[in-house]
Amino acid sequence: MSAIDELVRLTNKGRKRLGLVRSPLLIIHSKKDQTVSPLCAEELYQLASAASPKSLHWFERSDHVITLGPEKEEVYQLVTTFIEATVHAAVKTALPGAAHLDEVDETFPGH
């Protein structure tokens, strides 16, 4: 089996399982990506119907390697914000009386 055949098989298998994803999902894509069609980001978002929370964000000026493109700082900020919000929400849900988490937590200095 060629590498391309294996990639197609694996991609199809992944698509069929996206509906099982229940974890947080952040999809970031550039409208100018010339390697992967922006339609793929829309498809992933729709197929991951059980993911929670899930978010799809578009960038306008970057190409495929968005983390090295002209919008990389915005991408880094978006990822950081998503992770912090997701972790914060999960901790508040998991720990009774965690409403105080909006205050500084010395367990994680700098956060």
C-alpha atoms as a PDB file:
ATOM      1  CA  MET A   1       0.000   0.000   0.000  1.00  0.00           C
ATOM      2  CA  SER A   2       1.414   3.396  -0.934  1.00  0.00           C
ATOM      3  CA  ALA A   3       1.792   6.237   1.551  1.00  0.00           C
ATOM      4  CA  ILE A   4      -0.961   8.190  -0.242  1.00  0.00           C
ATOM      5  CA  ASP A   5      -3.344   5.227  -0.039  1.00  0.00           C
ATOM      6  CA  GLU A   6      -2.581   4.862   3.649  1.00  0.00           C
ATOM      7  CA  LEU A   7      -3.174   8.575   4.235  1.00  0.00           C
ATOM      8  CA  VAL A   8      -6.549   8.440   2.469  1.00  0.00           C
ATOM      9  CA  ARG A   9      -7.562   5.346   4.450  1.00  0.00           C
ATOM     10  CA  LEU A  10      -6.538   6.926   7.747  1.00  0.00           C
ATOM     11  CA  THR A  11      -8.303  10.199   6.901  1.00  0.00           C
ATOM     12  CA  ASN A  12     -11.533   8.393   6.076  1.00  0.00           C
ATOM     13  CA  LYS A  13     -11.326   6.406   9.282  1.00  0.00           C
ATOM     14  CA  GLY A  14     -10.798   9.613  11.258  1.00  0.00           C
ATOM     15  CA  ARG A  15     -13.778  11.315   9.629  1.00  0.00           C
ATOM     16  CA  LYS A  16     -16.035   8.426  10.657  1.00  0.00           C
ATOM     17  CA  ARG A  17     -14.913   8.770  14.292  1.00  0.00           C
ATOM     18  CA  LEU A  18     -15.116  12.557  14.660  1.00  0.00           C
ATOM     19  CA  GLY A  19     -18.652  12.283  15.996  1.00  0.00           C
ATOM     20  CA  LEU A  20     -17.220  10.452  19.017  1.00  0.00           C
ATOM     21  CA  VAL A  21     -15.017  13.385  20.068  1.00  0.00           C
ATOM     22  CA  ARG A  22     -16.367  14.904  23.270  1.00  0.00           C
ATOM     23  CA  SER A  23     -13.320  16.875  24.320  1.00  0.00           C
ATOM     24  CA  PRO A  24     -12.771  20.583  23.653  1.00  0.00           C
ATOM     25  CA  LEU A  25     -12.006  21.314  20.019  1.00  0.00           C
ATOM     26  CA  LEU A  26     -10.451  24.411  18.513  1.00  0.00           C
ATOM     27  CA  ILE A  27     -10.198  24.551  14.733  1.00  0.00           C
ATOM     28  CA  ILE A  28      -8.129  27.343  13.214  1.00  0.00           C
ATOM     29  CA  HIS A  29      -7.900  27.787   9.469  1.00  0.00           C
ATOM     30  CA  SER A  30      -6.888  30.457   7.011  1.00  0.00           C
ATOM     31  CA  LYS A  31      -9.135  31.402   4.142  1.00  0.00           C
ATOM     32  CA  LYS A  32      -5.985  31.711   2.011  1.00  0.00           C
ATOM     33  CA  ASP A  33      -4.698  28.190   2.734  1.00  0.00           C
ATOM     34  CA  GLN A  34      -3.647  26.728  -0.610  1.00  0.00           C
ATOM     35  CA  THR A  35      -2.750  23.292   0.788  1.00  0.00           C
ATOM     36  CA  VAL A  36      -5.962  22.308   2.592  1.00  0.00           C
ATOM     37  CA  SER A  37      -9.284  23.677   1.455  1.00  0.00           C
ATOM     38  CA  PRO A  38     -11.118  25.859   3.989  1.00  0.00           C
ATOM     39  CA  LEU A  39     -14.107  23.597   3.342  1.00  0.00           C
ATOM     40  CA  CYS A  40     -12.241  20.908   5.309  1.00  0.00           C
ATOM     41  CA  ALA A  41     -12.342  23.047   8.458  1.00  0.00           C
ATOM     42  CA  GLU A  42     -16.100  23.465   8.058  1.00  0.00           C
ATOM     43  CA  GLU A  43     -16.475  19.710   7.549  1.00  0.00           C
ATOM     44  CA  LEU A  44     -14.431  18.877  10.650  1.00  0.00           C
ATOM     45  CA  TYR A  45     -16.470  21.321  12.705  1.00  0.00           C
ATOM     46  CA  GLN A  46     -19.746  19.772  11.546  1.00  0.00           C
ATOM     47  CA  LEU A  47     -18.583  16.163  11.953  1.00  0.00           C
ATOM     48  CA  ALA A  48     -17.347  16.753  15.510  1.00  0.00           C
ATOM     49  CA  SER A  49     -20.923  17.215  16.666  1.00  0.00           C
ATOM     50  CA  ALA A  50     -20.339  16.015  20.251  1.00  0.00           C
ATOM     51  CA  ALA A  51     -17.181  18.071  20.909  1.00  0.00           C
ATOM     52  CA  SER A  52     -17.670  20.553  23.703  1.00  0.00           C
ATOM     53  CA  PRO A  53     -16.809  23.296  23.719  1.00  0.00           C
ATOM     54  CA  LYS A  54     -15.914  23.636  20.084  1.00  0.00           C
ATOM     55  CA  SER A  55     -14.881  26.658  18.121  1.00  0.00           C
ATOM     56  CA  LEU A  56     -13.935  27.445  14.527  1.00  0.00           C
ATOM     57  CA  HIS A  57     -11.829  30.537  13.853  1.00  0.00           C
ATOM     58  CA  TRP A  58     -10.841  31.988  10.512  1.00  0.00           C
ATOM     59  CA  PHE A  59      -7.779  33.990   9.633  1.00  0.00           C
ATOM     60  CA  GLU A  60      -7.481  36.066   6.497  1.00  0.00           C
ATOM     61  CA  ARG A  61      -3.811  36.550   5.589  1.00  0.00           C
ATOM     62  CA  SER A  62      -1.938  33.351   6.468  1.00  0.00           C
ATOM     63  CA  ASP A  63      -1.267  30.353   4.268  1.00  0.00           C
ATOM     64  CA  HIS A  64      -1.092  26.715   5.391  1.00  0.00           C
ATOM     65  CA  VAL A  65       1.518  27.008   8.169  1.00  0.00           C
ATOM     66  CA  ILE A  66      -0.551  29.505  10.103  1.00  0.00           C
ATOM     67  CA  THR A  67       1.731  29.395  13.172  1.00  0.00           C
ATOM     68  CA  LEU A  68       4.536  30.921  11.100  1.00  0.00           C
ATOM     69  CA  GLY A  69       2.423  33.323   9.055  1.00  0.00           C
ATOM     70  CA  PRO A  70       1.641  37.013   9.476  1.00  0.00           C
ATOM     71  CA  GLU A  71      -1.121  36.246  11.998  1.00  0.00           C
ATOM     72  CA  LYS A  72       0.915  33.941  14.235  1.00  0.00           C
ATOM     73  CA  GLU A  73       0.638  36.176  17.307  1.00  0.00           C
ATOM     74  CA  GLU A  74      -3.149  36.229  16.979  1.00  0.00           C
ATOM     75  CA  VAL A  75      -3.122  32.445  16.586  1.00  0.00           C
ATOM     76  CA  TYR A  76      -1.008  32.020  19.731  1.00  0.00           C
ATOM     77  CA  GLN A  77      -3.333  34.324  21.676  1.00  0.00           C
ATOM     78  CA  LEU A  78      -6.414  32.481  20.447  1.00  0.00           C
ATOM     79  CA  VAL A  79      -4.967  29.100  21.437  1.00  0.00           C
ATOM     80  CA  THR A  80      -3.887  30.385  24.853  1.00  0.00           C
ATOM     81  CA  THR A  81      -7.291  31.923  25.521  1.00  0.00           C
ATOM     82  CA  PHE A  82      -9.103  28.745  24.433  1.00  0.00           C
ATOM     83  CA  ILE A  83      -6.956  26.514  26.628  1.00  0.00           C
ATOM     84  CA  GLU A  84      -7.229  28.786  29.657  1.00  0.00           C
ATOM     85  CA  ALA A  85     -11.003  29.090  29.320  1.00  0.00           C
ATOM     86  CA  THR A  86     -11.417  25.353  28.778  1.00  0.00           C
ATOM     87  CA  VAL A  87      -9.232  24.372  31.730  1.00  0.00           C
ATOM     88  CA  HIS A  88     -10.854  26.999  33.934  1.00  0.00           C
ATOM     89  CA  ALA A  89     -14.352  25.756  33.056  1.00  0.00           C
ATOM     90  CA  ALA A  90     -13.351  22.127  33.606  1.00  0.00           C
ATOM     91  CA  VAL A  91     -11.866  22.852  37.028  1.00  0.00           C
ATOM     92  CA  LYS A  92     -14.921  24.847  38.092  1.00  0.00           C
ATOM     93  CA  THR A  93     -17.138  21.955  37.027  1.00  0.00           C
ATOM     94  CA  ALA A  94     -14.996  19.256  38.638  1.00  0.00           C
ATOM     95  CA  LEU A  95     -14.311  20.939  41.972  1.00  0.00           C
ATOM     96  CA  PRO A  96     -17.189  21.867  44.264  1.00  0.00           C
ATOM     97  CA  GLY A  97     -16.872  25.452  45.487  1.00  0.00           C
ATOM     98  CA  ALA A  98     -14.389  26.394  42.768  1.00  0.00           C
ATOM     99  CA  ALA A  99     -16.003  29.786  42.171  1.00  0.00           C
ATOM    100  CA  HIS A 100     -12.956  31.402  43.790  1.00  0.00           C
ATOM    101  CA  LEU A 101     -10.829  30.361  40.791  1.00  0.00           C
ATOM    102  CA  ASP A 102     -11.178  33.807  39.311  1.00  0.00           C
ATOM    103  CA  GLU A 103      -8.643  34.864  41.928  1.00  0.00           C
ATOM    104  CA  VAL A 104      -4.893  34.275  41.579  1.00  0.00           C
ATOM    105  CA  ASP A 105      -3.944  30.646  42.196  1.00  0.00           C
ATOM    106  CA  GLU A 106      -0.441  30.214  43.583  1.00  0.00           C
ATOM    107  CA  THR A 107      -0.416  26.567  42.463  1.00  0.00           C
ATOM    108  CA  PHE A 108       0.253  27.846  38.960  1.00  0.00           C
ATOM    109  CA  PRO A 109       2.431  30.965  39.353  1.00  0.00           C
ATOM    110  CA  GLY A 110       1.834  33.554  36.668  1.00  0.00           C
ATOM    111  CA  HIS A 111      -1.755  32.478  35.987  1.00  0.00           C
END
